Amino acid sequence: MKAASPLRRALHGSIVGAFYAKTMQAFNNLCKKKAMVMSDILKVVEVLAESKTSWEDAAATAVAKAEETIHGIKSIYIKDFEAKVENGKISSYRINAKITFLID
């Protein structure tokens, strides 16, 4: 396994770490507001989303688009982060995410 570059470790530690912390905090707050009953059945779908501005915006886009056809979304888990680079600059931010929702 190849060692991560210092830039990759810094990006992962600051950007991804901060985004993951925000996501987990939001999920924990949601769980505190409405305790799910064990008889509730949840389903998970995997989605890909992209944004020109940030990974956070890509996640918001994923949820907004999924909300058009899926109701009762409970959480989003960001599985992978990726950025497209053009001319030495990040041109778009991509995520691979799992969206969890309550089955009616």
PDB file of N, CA and C in Angstrom:
ATOM      1  N   MET A   1       0.842  -1.178   0.000  1.00  0.00           N
ATOM      2  CA  MET A   1       0.000   0.000   0.000  1.00  0.00           C
ATOM      3  C   MET A   1       0.882   1.233   0.000  1.00  0.00           C
ATOM      4  N   LYS A   2       0.609   2.162  -0.891  1.00  0.00           N
ATOM      5  CA  LYS A   2       1.408   3.366  -1.040  1.00  0.00           C
ATOM      6  C   LYS A   2       1.064   4.374   0.069  1.00  0.00           C
ATOM      7  N   ALA A   3       2.075   5.006   0.641  1.00  0.00           N
ATOM      8  CA  ALA A   3       1.848   6.012   1.686  1.00  0.00           C
ATOM      9  C   ALA A   3       1.212   7.255   1.084  1.00  0.00           C
ATOM     10  N   ALA A   4       0.291   7.866   1.841  1.00  0.00           N
ATOM     11  CA  ALA A   4      -0.389   9.079   1.380  1.00  0.00           C
ATOM     12  C   ALA A   4       0.578  10.259   1.393  1.00  0.00           C
ATOM     13  N   SER A   5       0.425  11.130   0.412  1.00  0.00           N
ATOM     14  CA  SER A   5       1.273  12.315   0.345  1.00  0.00           C
ATOM     15  C   SER A   5       0.898  13.280   1.466  1.00  0.00           C
ATOM     16  N   PRO A   6       1.819  14.197   1.837  1.00  0.00           N
ATOM     17  CA  PRO A   6       1.491  15.178   2.877  1.00  0.00           C
ATOM     18  C   PRO A   6       0.269  16.024   2.523  1.00  0.00           C
ATOM     19  N   LEU A   7       0.102  16.366   1.236  1.00  0.00           N
ATOM     20  CA  LEU A   7      -1.049  17.151   0.826  1.00  0.00           C
ATOM     21  C   LEU A   7      -2.337  16.359   1.028  1.00  0.00           C
ATOM     22  N   ARG A   8      -2.314  15.094   0.638  1.00  0.00           N
ATOM     23  CA  ARG A   8      -3.506  14.246   0.804  1.00  0.00           C
ATOM     24  C   ARG A   8      -3.849  14.085   2.283  1.00  0.00           C
ATOM     25  N   ARG A   9      -2.846  13.884   3.128  1.00  0.00           N
ATOM     26  CA  ARG A   9      -3.105  13.748   4.570  1.00  0.00           C
ATOM     27  C   ARG A   9      -3.671  15.043   5.131  1.00  0.00           C
ATOM     28  N   ALA A  10      -3.148  16.189   4.683  1.00  0.00           N
ATOM     29  CA  ALA A  10      -3.632  17.480   5.177  1.00  0.00           C
ATOM     30  C   ALA A  10      -5.074  17.719   4.736  1.00  0.00           C
ATOM     31  N   LEU A  11      -5.363  17.443   3.452  1.00  0.00           N
ATOM     32  CA  LEU A  11      -6.731  17.616   2.966  1.00  0.00           C
ATOM     33  C   LEU A  11      -7.682  16.687   3.690  1.00  0.00           C
ATOM     34  N   HIS A  12      -7.268  15.442   3.834  1.00  0.00           N
ATOM     35  CA  HIS A  12      -8.132  14.469   4.489  1.00  0.00           C
ATOM     36  C   HIS A  12      -8.361  14.869   5.940  1.00  0.00           C
ATOM     37  N   GLY A  13      -7.312  15.311   6.603  1.00  0.00           N
ATOM     38  CA  GLY A  13      -7.430  15.676   8.011  1.00  0.00           C
ATOM     39  C   GLY A  13      -8.267  16.913   8.248  1.00  0.00           C
ATOM     40  N   SER A  14      -8.177  17.907   7.364  1.00  0.00           N
ATOM     41  CA  SER A  14      -8.892  19.158   7.618  1.00  0.00           C
ATOM     42  C   SER A  14     -10.261  19.197   6.965  1.00  0.00           C
ATOM     43  N   ILE A  15     -10.327  19.065   5.666  1.00  0.00           N
ATOM     44  CA  ILE A  15     -11.597  19.208   4.949  1.00  0.00           C
ATOM     45  C   ILE A  15     -12.514  18.024   5.207  1.00  0.00           C
ATOM     46  N   VAL A  16     -12.025  16.841   4.928  1.00  0.00           N
ATOM     47  CA  VAL A  16     -12.850  15.648   5.074  1.00  0.00           C
ATOM     48  C   VAL A  16     -13.197  15.420   6.543  1.00  0.00           C
ATOM     49  N   GLY A  17     -12.224  15.613   7.400  1.00  0.00           N
ATOM     50  CA  GLY A  17     -12.475  15.422   8.830  1.00  0.00           C
ATOM     51  C   GLY A  17     -13.527  16.381   9.353  1.00  0.00           C
ATOM     52  N   ALA A  18     -13.452  17.634   8.951  1.00  0.00           N
ATOM     53  CA  ALA A  18     -14.438  18.632   9.390  1.00  0.00           C
ATOM     54  C   ALA A  18     -15.819  18.304   8.825  1.00  0.00           C
ATOM     55  N   PHE A  19     -15.875  17.901   7.554  1.00  0.00           N
ATOM     56  CA  PHE A  19     -17.158  17.559   6.944  1.00  0.00           C
ATOM     57  C   PHE A  19     -17.754  16.327   7.614  1.00  0.00           C
ATOM     58  N   TYR A  20     -16.933  15.324   7.897  1.00  0.00           N
ATOM     59  CA  TYR A  20     -17.405  14.115   8.557  1.00  0.00           C
ATOM     60  C   TYR A  20     -17.938  14.443   9.949  1.00  0.00           C
ATOM     61  N   ALA A  21     -17.236  15.308  10.672  1.00  0.00           N
ATOM     62  CA  ALA A  21     -17.681  15.701  12.007  1.00  0.00           C
ATOM     63  C   ALA A  21     -19.031  16.405  11.945  1.00  0.00           C
ATOM     64  N   LYS A  22     -19.220  17.300  10.954  1.00  0.00           N
ATOM     65  CA  LYS A  22     -20.507  17.991  10.795  1.00  0.00           C
ATOM     66  C   LYS A  22     -21.613  16.992  10.476  1.00  0.00           C
ATOM     67  N   THR A  23     -21.326  16.047   9.587  1.00  0.00           N
ATOM     68  CA  THR A  23     -22.316  15.053   9.192  1.00  0.00           C
ATOM     69  C   THR A  23     -22.731  14.201  10.384  1.00  0.00           C
ATOM     70  N   MET A  24     -21.758  13.739  11.155  1.00  0.00           N
ATOM     71  CA  MET A  24     -22.069  12.911  12.315  1.00  0.00           C
ATOM     72  C   MET A  24     -22.823  13.704  13.379  1.00  0.00           C
ATOM     73  N   GLN A  25     -22.473  14.967  13.567  1.00  0.00           N
ATOM     74  CA  GLN A  25     -23.173  15.804  14.535  1.00  0.00           C
ATOM     75  C   GLN A  25     -24.638  15.974  14.119  1.00  0.00           C
ATOM     76  N   ALA A  26     -24.880  16.209  12.844  1.00  0.00           N
ATOM     77  CA  ALA A  26     -26.252  16.358  12.351  1.00  0.00           C
ATOM     78  C   ALA A  26     -27.035  15.058  12.535  1.00  0.00           C
ATOM     79  N   PHE A  27     -26.397  13.931  12.268  1.00  0.00           N
ATOM     80  CA  PHE A  27     -27.052  12.637  12.435  1.00  0.00           C
ATOM     81  C   PHE A  27     -27.392  12.391  13.905  1.00  0.00           C
ATOM     82  N   ASN A  28     -26.458  12.679  14.799  1.00  0.00           N
ATOM     83  CA  ASN A  28     -26.704  12.487  16.225  1.00  0.00           C
ATOM     84  C   ASN A  28     -27.827  13.385  16.711  1.00  0.00           C
ATOM     85  N   ASN A  29     -27.877  14.633  16.233  1.00  0.00           N
ATOM     86  CA  ASN A  29     -28.963  15.541  16.604  1.00  0.00           C
ATOM     87  C   ASN A  29     -30.307  15.006  16.123  1.00  0.00           C
ATOM     88  N   LEU A  30     -30.334  14.445  14.914  1.00  0.00           N
ATOM     89  CA  LEU A  30     -31.553  13.878  14.372  1.00  0.00           C
ATOM     90  C   LEU A  30     -32.024  12.711  15.236  1.00  0.00           C
ATOM     91  N   CYS A  31     -31.093  11.860  15.636  1.00  0.00           N
ATOM     92  CA  CYS A  31     -31.450  10.712  16.468  1.00  0.00           C
ATOM     93  C   CYS A  31     -32.003  11.153  17.820  1.00  0.00           C
ATOM     94  N   LYS A  32     -31.473  12.231  18.381  1.00  0.00           N
ATOM     95  CA  LYS A  32     -31.962  12.729  19.661  1.00  0.00           C
ATOM     96  C   LYS A  32     -33.364  13.311  19.527  1.00  0.00           C
ATOM     97  N   LYS A  33     -33.649  13.974  18.399  1.00  0.00           N
ATOM     98  CA  LYS A  33     -34.956  14.596  18.196  1.00  0.00           C
ATOM     99  C   LYS A  33     -36.057  13.562  18.047  1.00  0.00           C
ATOM    100  N   LYS A  34     -35.792  12.499  17.307  1.00  0.00           N
ATOM    101  CA  LYS A  34     -36.806  11.473  17.091  1.00  0.00           C
ATOM    102  C   LYS A  34     -36.143  10.109  17.231  1.00  0.00           C
ATOM    103  N   ALA A  35     -36.418   9.467  18.339  1.00  0.00           N
ATOM    104  CA  ALA A  35     -35.874   8.134  18.543  1.00  0.00           C
ATOM    105  C   ALA A  35     -36.597   7.169  17.609  1.00  0.00           C
ATOM    106  N   MET A  36     -35.823   6.420  16.824  1.00  0.00           N
ATOM    107  CA  MET A  36     -36.437   5.470  15.917  1.00  0.00           C
ATOM    108  C   MET A  36     -36.806   4.206  16.688  1.00  0.00           C
ATOM    109  N   VAL A  37     -37.934   3.647  16.342  1.00  0.00           N
ATOM    110  CA  VAL A  37     -38.396   2.421  16.956  1.00  0.00           C
ATOM    111  C   VAL A  37     -37.734   1.254  16.223  1.00  0.00           C
ATOM    112  N   MET A  38     -37.409   0.208  16.950  1.00  0.00           N
ATOM    113  CA  MET A  38     -36.731  -0.928  16.326  1.00  0.00           C
ATOM    114  C   MET A  38     -37.574  -1.584  15.231  1.00  0.00           C
ATOM    115  N   SER A  39     -38.889  -1.402  15.253  1.00  0.00           N
ATOM    116  CA  SER A  39     -39.722  -1.999  14.216  1.00  0.00           C
ATOM    117  C   SER A  39     -39.690  -1.192  12.912  1.00  0.00           C
ATOM    118  N   ASP A  40     -39.118   0.018  12.948  1.00  0.00           N
ATOM    119  CA  ASP A  40     -38.979   0.796  11.723  1.00  0.00           C
ATOM    120  C   ASP A  40     -38.029   0.089  10.756  1.00  0.00           C
ATOM    121  N   ILE A  41     -38.387   0.077   9.493  1.00  0.00           N
ATOM    122  CA  ILE A  41     -37.544  -0.537   8.469  1.00  0.00           C
ATOM    123  C   ILE A  41     -36.928   0.582   7.647  1.00  0.00           C
ATOM    124  N   LEU A  42     -35.622   0.552   7.527  1.00  0.00           N
ATOM    125  CA  LEU A  42     -34.891   1.557   6.763  1.00  0.00           C
ATOM    126  C   LEU A  42     -34.295   0.914   5.513  1.00  0.00           C
ATOM    127  N   LYS A  43     -34.147   1.715   4.484  1.00  0.00           N
ATOM    128  CA  LYS A  43     -33.510   1.259   3.246  1.00  0.00           C
ATOM    129  C   LYS A  43     -32.374   2.212   2.922  1.00  0.00           C
ATOM    130  N   VAL A  44     -31.349   1.698   2.262  1.00  0.00           N
ATOM    131  CA  VAL A  44     -30.183   2.499   1.892  1.00  0.00           C
ATOM    132  C   VAL A  44     -30.009   2.454   0.379  1.00  0.00           C
ATOM    133  N   VAL A  45     -29.821   3.635  -0.220  1.00  0.00           N
ATOM    134  CA  VAL A  45     -29.495   3.718  -1.645  1.00  0.00           C
ATOM    135  C   VAL A  45     -28.155   4.429  -1.782  1.00  0.00           C
ATOM    136  N   GLU A  46     -27.407   4.021  -2.767  1.00  0.00           N
ATOM    137  CA  GLU A  46     -26.103   4.645  -3.010  1.00  0.00           C
ATOM    138  C   GLU A  46     -26.236   5.621  -4.171  1.00  0.00           C
ATOM    139  N   VAL A  47     -25.704   6.835  -3.986  1.00  0.00           N
ATOM    140  CA  VAL A  47     -25.799   7.876  -5.009  1.00  0.00           C
ATOM    141  C   VAL A  47     -24.438   8.520  -5.239  1.00  0.00           C
ATOM    142  N   LEU A  48     -24.290   9.131  -6.400  1.00  0.00           N
ATOM    143  CA  LEU A  48     -23.118   9.925  -6.738  1.00  0.00           C
ATOM    144  C   LEU A  48     -23.594  11.345  -6.989  1.00  0.00           C
ATOM    145  N   ALA A  49     -22.857  12.326  -6.497  1.00  0.00           N
ATOM    146  CA  ALA A  49     -23.236  13.725  -6.703  1.00  0.00           C
ATOM    147  C   ALA A  49     -21.995  14.561  -6.949  1.00  0.00           C
ATOM    148  N   GLU A  50     -22.192  15.707  -7.589  1.00  0.00           N
ATOM    149  CA  GLU A  50     -21.081  16.583  -7.963  1.00  0.00           C
ATOM    150  C   GLU A  50     -21.469  18.041  -7.744  1.00  0.00           C
ATOM    151  N   SER A  51     -20.485  18.858  -7.396  1.00  0.00           N
ATOM    152  CA  SER A  51     -20.693  20.291  -7.210  1.00  0.00           C
ATOM    153  C   SER A  51     -19.458  21.042  -7.683  1.00  0.00           C
ATOM    154  N   LYS A  52     -19.659  22.255  -8.147  1.00  0.00           N
ATOM    155  CA  LYS A  52     -18.529  23.105  -8.550  1.00  0.00           C
ATOM    156  C   LYS A  52     -17.917  23.824  -7.357  1.00  0.00           C
ATOM    157  N   THR A  53     -18.635  23.854  -6.200  1.00  0.00           N
ATOM    158  CA  THR A  53     -18.165  24.664  -5.073  1.00  0.00           C
ATOM    159  C   THR A  53     -17.545  23.893  -3.916  1.00  0.00           C
ATOM    160  N   SER A  54     -18.153  22.749  -3.500  1.00  0.00           N
ATOM    161  CA  SER A  54     -17.612  22.039  -2.325  1.00  0.00           C
ATOM    162  C   SER A  54     -18.204  20.642  -2.204  1.00  0.00           C
ATOM    163  N   TRP A  55     -17.574  19.821  -1.344  1.00  0.00           N
ATOM    164  CA  TRP A  55     -18.114  18.500  -1.047  1.00  0.00           C
ATOM    165  C   TRP A  55     -19.420  18.633  -0.269  1.00  0.00           C
ATOM    166  N   GLU A  56     -19.496  19.632   0.601  1.00  0.00           N
ATOM    167  CA  GLU A  56     -20.716  19.857   1.376  1.00  0.00           C
ATOM    168  C   GLU A  56     -21.885  20.183   0.442  1.00  0.00           C
ATOM    169  N   ASP A  57     -21.630  20.990  -0.570  1.00  0.00           N
ATOM    170  CA  ASP A  57     -22.670  21.319  -1.545  1.00  0.00           C
ATOM    171  C   ASP A  57     -23.053  20.086  -2.362  1.00  0.00           C
ATOM    172  N   ALA A  58     -22.088  19.236  -2.665  1.00  0.00           N
ATOM    173  CA  ALA A  58     -22.386  17.990  -3.385  1.00  0.00           C
ATOM    174  C   ALA A  58     -23.298  17.099  -2.541  1.00  0.00           C
ATOM    175  N   ALA A  59     -23.057  17.052  -1.232  1.00  0.00           N
ATOM    176  CA  ALA A  59     -23.910  16.261  -0.335  1.00  0.00           C
ATOM    177  C   ALA A  59     -25.317  16.845  -0.285  1.00  0.00           C
ATOM    178  N   ALA A  60     -25.414  18.173  -0.200  1.00  0.00           N
ATOM    179  CA  ALA A  60     -26.725  18.827  -0.175  1.00  0.00           C
ATOM    180  C   ALA A  60     -27.472  18.574  -1.488  1.00  0.00           C
ATOM    181  N   THR A  61     -26.754  18.583  -2.598  1.00  0.00           N
ATOM    182  CA  THR A  61     -27.351  18.295  -3.900  1.00  0.00           C
ATOM    183  C   THR A  61     -27.872  16.863  -3.950  1.00  0.00           C
ATOM    184  N   ALA A  62     -27.100  15.924  -3.413  1.00  0.00           N
ATOM    185  CA  ALA A  62     -27.517  14.518  -3.386  1.00  0.00           C
ATOM    186  C   ALA A  62     -28.817  14.349  -2.610  1.00  0.00           C
ATOM    187  N   VAL A  63     -28.904  14.982  -1.446  1.00  0.00           N
ATOM    188  CA  VAL A  63     -30.108  14.869  -0.621  1.00  0.00           C
ATOM    189  C   VAL A  63     -31.295  15.543  -1.318  1.00  0.00           C
ATOM    190  N   ALA A  64     -31.081  16.729  -1.868  1.00  0.00           N
ATOM    191  CA  ALA A  64     -32.163  17.455  -2.536  1.00  0.00           C
ATOM    192  C   ALA A  64     -32.704  16.669  -3.729  1.00  0.00           C
ATOM    193  N   LYS A  65     -31.822  16.090  -4.517  1.00  0.00           N
ATOM    194  CA  LYS A  65     -32.253  15.321  -5.686  1.00  0.00           C
ATOM    195  C   LYS A  65     -32.966  14.036  -5.252  1.00  0.00           C
ATOM    196  N   ALA A  66     -32.439  13.357  -4.241  1.00  0.00           N
ATOM    197  CA  ALA A  66     -33.068  12.134  -3.746  1.00  0.00           C
ATOM    198  C   ALA A  66     -34.442  12.429  -3.157  1.00  0.00           C
ATOM    199  N   GLU A  67     -34.580  13.577  -2.500  1.00  0.00           N
ATOM    200  CA  GLU A  67     -35.845  13.974  -1.872  1.00  0.00           C
ATOM    201  C   GLU A  67     -36.971  14.126  -2.896  1.00  0.00           C
ATOM    202  N   GLU A  68     -36.629  14.311  -4.173  1.00  0.00           N
ATOM    203  CA  GLU A  68     -37.651  14.430  -5.220  1.00  0.00           C
ATOM    204  C   GLU A  68     -38.450  13.138  -5.391  1.00  0.00           C
ATOM    205  N   THR A  69     -37.808  11.993  -5.135  1.00  0.00           N
ATOM    206  CA  THR A  69     -38.493  10.711  -5.317  1.00  0.00           C
ATOM    207  C   THR A  69     -38.530   9.851  -4.059  1.00  0.00           C
ATOM    208  N   ILE A  70     -37.686  10.149  -3.088  1.00  0.00           N
ATOM    209  CA  ILE A  70     -37.620   9.374  -1.844  1.00  0.00           C
ATOM    210  C   ILE A  70     -38.110  10.255  -0.708  1.00  0.00           C
ATOM    211  N   HIS A  71     -39.002   9.708   0.105  1.00  0.00           N
ATOM    212  CA  HIS A  71     -39.511  10.468   1.243  1.00  0.00           C
ATOM    213  C   HIS A  71     -39.027   9.828   2.539  1.00  0.00           C
ATOM    214  N   GLY A  72     -38.901  10.628   3.572  1.00  0.00           N
ATOM    215  CA  GLY A  72     -38.481  10.104   4.873  1.00  0.00           C
ATOM    216  C   GLY A  72     -36.987   9.869   4.978  1.00  0.00           C
ATOM    217  N   ILE A  73     -36.177  10.701   4.314  1.00  0.00           N
ATOM    218  CA  ILE A  73     -34.723  10.560   4.399  1.00  0.00           C
ATOM    219  C   ILE A  73     -34.278  10.844   5.828  1.00  0.00           C
ATOM    220  N   LYS A  74     -33.477   9.941   6.373  1.00  0.00           N
ATOM    221  CA  LYS A  74     -33.015  10.053   7.756  1.00  0.00           C
ATOM    222  C   LYS A  74     -31.553  10.456   7.867  1.00  0.00           C
ATOM    223  N   SER A  75     -30.727  10.040   6.903  1.00  0.00           N
ATOM    224  CA  SER A  75     -29.299  10.363   7.014  1.00  0.00           C
ATOM    225  C   SER A  75     -28.599  10.189   5.672  1.00  0.00           C
ATOM    226  N   ILE A  76     -27.399  10.764   5.613  1.00  0.00           N
ATOM    227  CA  ILE A  76     -26.522  10.574   4.464  1.00  0.00           C
ATOM    228  C   ILE A  76     -25.142  10.218   5.016  1.00  0.00           C
ATOM    229  N   TYR A  77     -24.562   9.165   4.479  1.00  0.00           N
ATOM    230  CA  TYR A  77     -23.225   8.729   4.861  1.00  0.00           C
ATOM    231  C   TYR A  77     -22.329   8.933   3.649  1.00  0.00           C
ATOM    232  N   ILE A  78     -21.285   9.719   3.812  1.00  0.00           N
ATOM    233  CA  ILE A  78     -20.376   9.989   2.698  1.00  0.00           C
ATOM    234  C   ILE A  78     -19.322   8.887   2.673  1.00  0.00           C
ATOM    235  N   LYS A  79     -19.393   8.076   1.634  1.00  0.00           N
ATOM    236  CA  LYS A  79     -18.501   6.919   1.503  1.00  0.00           C
ATOM    237  C   LYS A  79     -17.139   7.323   0.932  1.00  0.00           C
ATOM    238  N   ASP A  80     -17.139   8.131  -0.132  1.00  0.00           N
ATOM    239  CA  ASP A  80     -15.899   8.540  -0.795  1.00  0.00           C
ATOM    240  C   ASP A  80     -15.967  10.001  -1.213  1.00  0.00           C
ATOM    241  N   PHE A  81     -14.813  10.635  -1.206  1.00  0.00           N
ATOM    242  CA  PHE A  81     -14.659  12.005  -1.693  1.00  0.00           C
ATOM    243  C   PHE A  81     -13.708  11.971  -2.884  1.00  0.00           C
ATOM    244  N   GLU A  82     -14.003  12.771  -3.897  1.00  0.00           N
ATOM    245  CA  GLU A  82     -13.133  12.848  -5.067  1.00  0.00           C
ATOM    246  C   GLU A  82     -13.217  14.265  -5.623  1.00  0.00           C
ATOM    247  N   ALA A  83     -12.145  14.725  -6.198  1.00  0.00           N
ATOM    248  CA  ALA A  83     -12.154  16.044  -6.831  1.00  0.00           C
ATOM    249  C   ALA A  83     -11.588  15.909  -8.243  1.00  0.00           C
ATOM    250  N   LYS A  84     -12.230  16.576  -9.178  1.00  0.00           N
ATOM    251  CA  LYS A  84     -11.753  16.600 -10.567  1.00  0.00           C
ATOM    252  C   LYS A  84     -10.822  17.803 -10.703  1.00  0.00           C
ATOM    253  N   VAL A  85      -9.675  17.600 -11.316  1.00  0.00           N
ATOM    254  CA  VAL A  85      -8.683  18.662 -11.451  1.00  0.00           C
ATOM    255  C   VAL A  85      -8.489  19.003 -12.922  1.00  0.00           C
ATOM    256  N   GLU A  86      -8.546  20.299 -13.213  1.00  0.00           N
ATOM    257  CA  GLU A  86      -8.284  20.788 -14.563  1.00  0.00           C
ATOM    258  C   GLU A  86      -7.326  21.967 -14.470  1.00  0.00           C
ATOM    259  N   ASN A  87      -6.262  21.939 -15.260  1.00  0.00           N
ATOM    260  CA  ASN A  87      -5.249  23.006 -15.276  1.00  0.00           C
ATOM    261  C   ASN A  87      -4.677  23.285 -13.885  1.00  0.00           C
ATOM    262  N   GLY A  88      -4.466  22.227 -13.130  1.00  0.00           N
ATOM    263  CA  GLY A  88      -3.850  22.363 -11.816  1.00  0.00           C
ATOM    264  C   GLY A  88      -4.762  22.891 -10.722  1.00  0.00           C
ATOM    265  N   LYS A  89      -6.074  23.013 -10.988  1.00  0.00           N
ATOM    266  CA  LYS A  89      -7.021  23.515  -9.990  1.00  0.00           C
ATOM    267  C   LYS A  89      -8.219  22.585  -9.900  1.00  0.00           C
ATOM    268  N   ILE A  90      -8.826  22.517  -8.725  1.00  0.00           N
ATOM    269  CA  ILE A  90     -10.013  21.699  -8.550  1.00  0.00           C
ATOM    270  C   ILE A  90     -11.165  22.350  -9.309  1.00  0.00           C
ATOM    271  N   SER A  91     -11.761  21.577 -10.214  1.00  0.00           N
ATOM    272  CA  SER A  91     -12.863  22.108 -11.014  1.00  0.00           C
ATOM    273  C   SER A  91     -14.221  21.612 -10.525  1.00  0.00           C
ATOM    274  N   SER A  92     -14.245  20.461  -9.855  1.00  0.00           N
ATOM    275  CA  SER A  92     -15.500  19.981  -9.285  1.00  0.00           C
ATOM    276  C   SER A  92     -15.228  18.990  -8.153  1.00  0.00           C
ATOM    277  N   TYR A  93     -16.183  18.926  -7.252  1.00  0.00           N
ATOM    278  CA  TYR A  93     -16.102  18.067  -6.070  1.00  0.00           C
ATOM    279  C   TYR A  93     -17.153  16.972  -6.220  1.00  0.00           C
ATOM    280  N   ARG A  94     -16.737  15.741  -5.985  1.00  0.00           N
ATOM    281  CA  ARG A  94     -17.642  14.603  -6.158  1.00  0.00           C
ATOM    282  C   ARG A  94     -17.711  13.792  -4.873  1.00  0.00           C
ATOM    283  N   ILE A  95     -18.896  13.240  -4.623  1.00  0.00           N
ATOM    284  CA  ILE A  95     -19.049  12.334  -3.487  1.00  0.00           C
ATOM    285  C   ILE A  95     -19.757  11.064  -3.937  1.00  0.00           C
ATOM    286  N   ASN A  96     -19.470   9.995  -3.249  1.00  0.00           N
ATOM    287  CA  ASN A  96     -20.201   8.740  -3.347  1.00  0.00           C
ATOM    288  C   ASN A  96     -20.835   8.586  -1.976  1.00  0.00           C
ATOM    289  N   ALA A  97     -22.163   8.583  -1.903  1.00  0.00           N
ATOM    290  CA  ALA A  97     -22.841   8.609  -0.614  1.00  0.00           C
ATOM    291  C   ALA A  97     -23.921   7.543  -0.522  1.00  0.00           C
ATOM    292  N   LYS A  98     -24.255   7.192   0.718  1.00  0.00           N
ATOM    293  CA  LYS A  98     -25.375   6.289   0.989  1.00  0.00           C
ATOM    294  C   LYS A  98     -26.436   7.101   1.714  1.00  0.00           C
ATOM    295  N   ILE A  99     -27.637   7.087   1.173  1.00  0.00           N
ATOM    296  CA  ILE A  99     -28.764   7.808   1.764  1.00  0.00           C
ATOM    297  C   ILE A  99     -29.701   6.784   2.392  1.00  0.00           C
ATOM    298  N   THR A 100     -30.017   7.014   3.660  1.00  0.00           N
ATOM    299  CA  THR A 100     -30.893   6.118   4.402  1.00  0.00           C
ATOM    300  C   THR A 100     -32.259   6.758   4.563  1.00  0.00           C
ATOM    301  N   PHE A 101     -33.314   5.982   4.303  1.00  0.00           N
ATOM    302  CA  PHE A 101     -34.662   6.513   4.447  1.00  0.00           C
ATOM    303  C   PHE A 101     -35.581   5.464   5.038  1.00  0.00           C
ATOM    304  N   LEU A 102     -36.671   5.944   5.627  1.00  0.00           N
ATOM    305  CA  LEU A 102     -37.662   5.103   6.276  1.00  0.00           C
ATOM    306  C   LEU A 102     -38.641   4.595   5.248  1.00  0.00           C
ATOM    307  N   ILE A 103     -38.886   3.294   5.255  1.00  0.00           N
ATOM    308  CA  ILE A 103     -39.866   2.711   4.346  1.00  0.00           C
ATOM    309  C   ILE A 103     -41.255   2.913   4.946  1.00  0.00           C
ATOM    310  N   ASP A 104     -42.187   3.417   4.117  1.00  0.00           N
ATOM    311  CA  ASP A 104     -43.563   3.663   4.581  1.00  0.00           C
ATOM    312  C   ASP A 104     -44.258   2.388   4.979  1.00  0.00           C
TER     313      ASP A 104
END
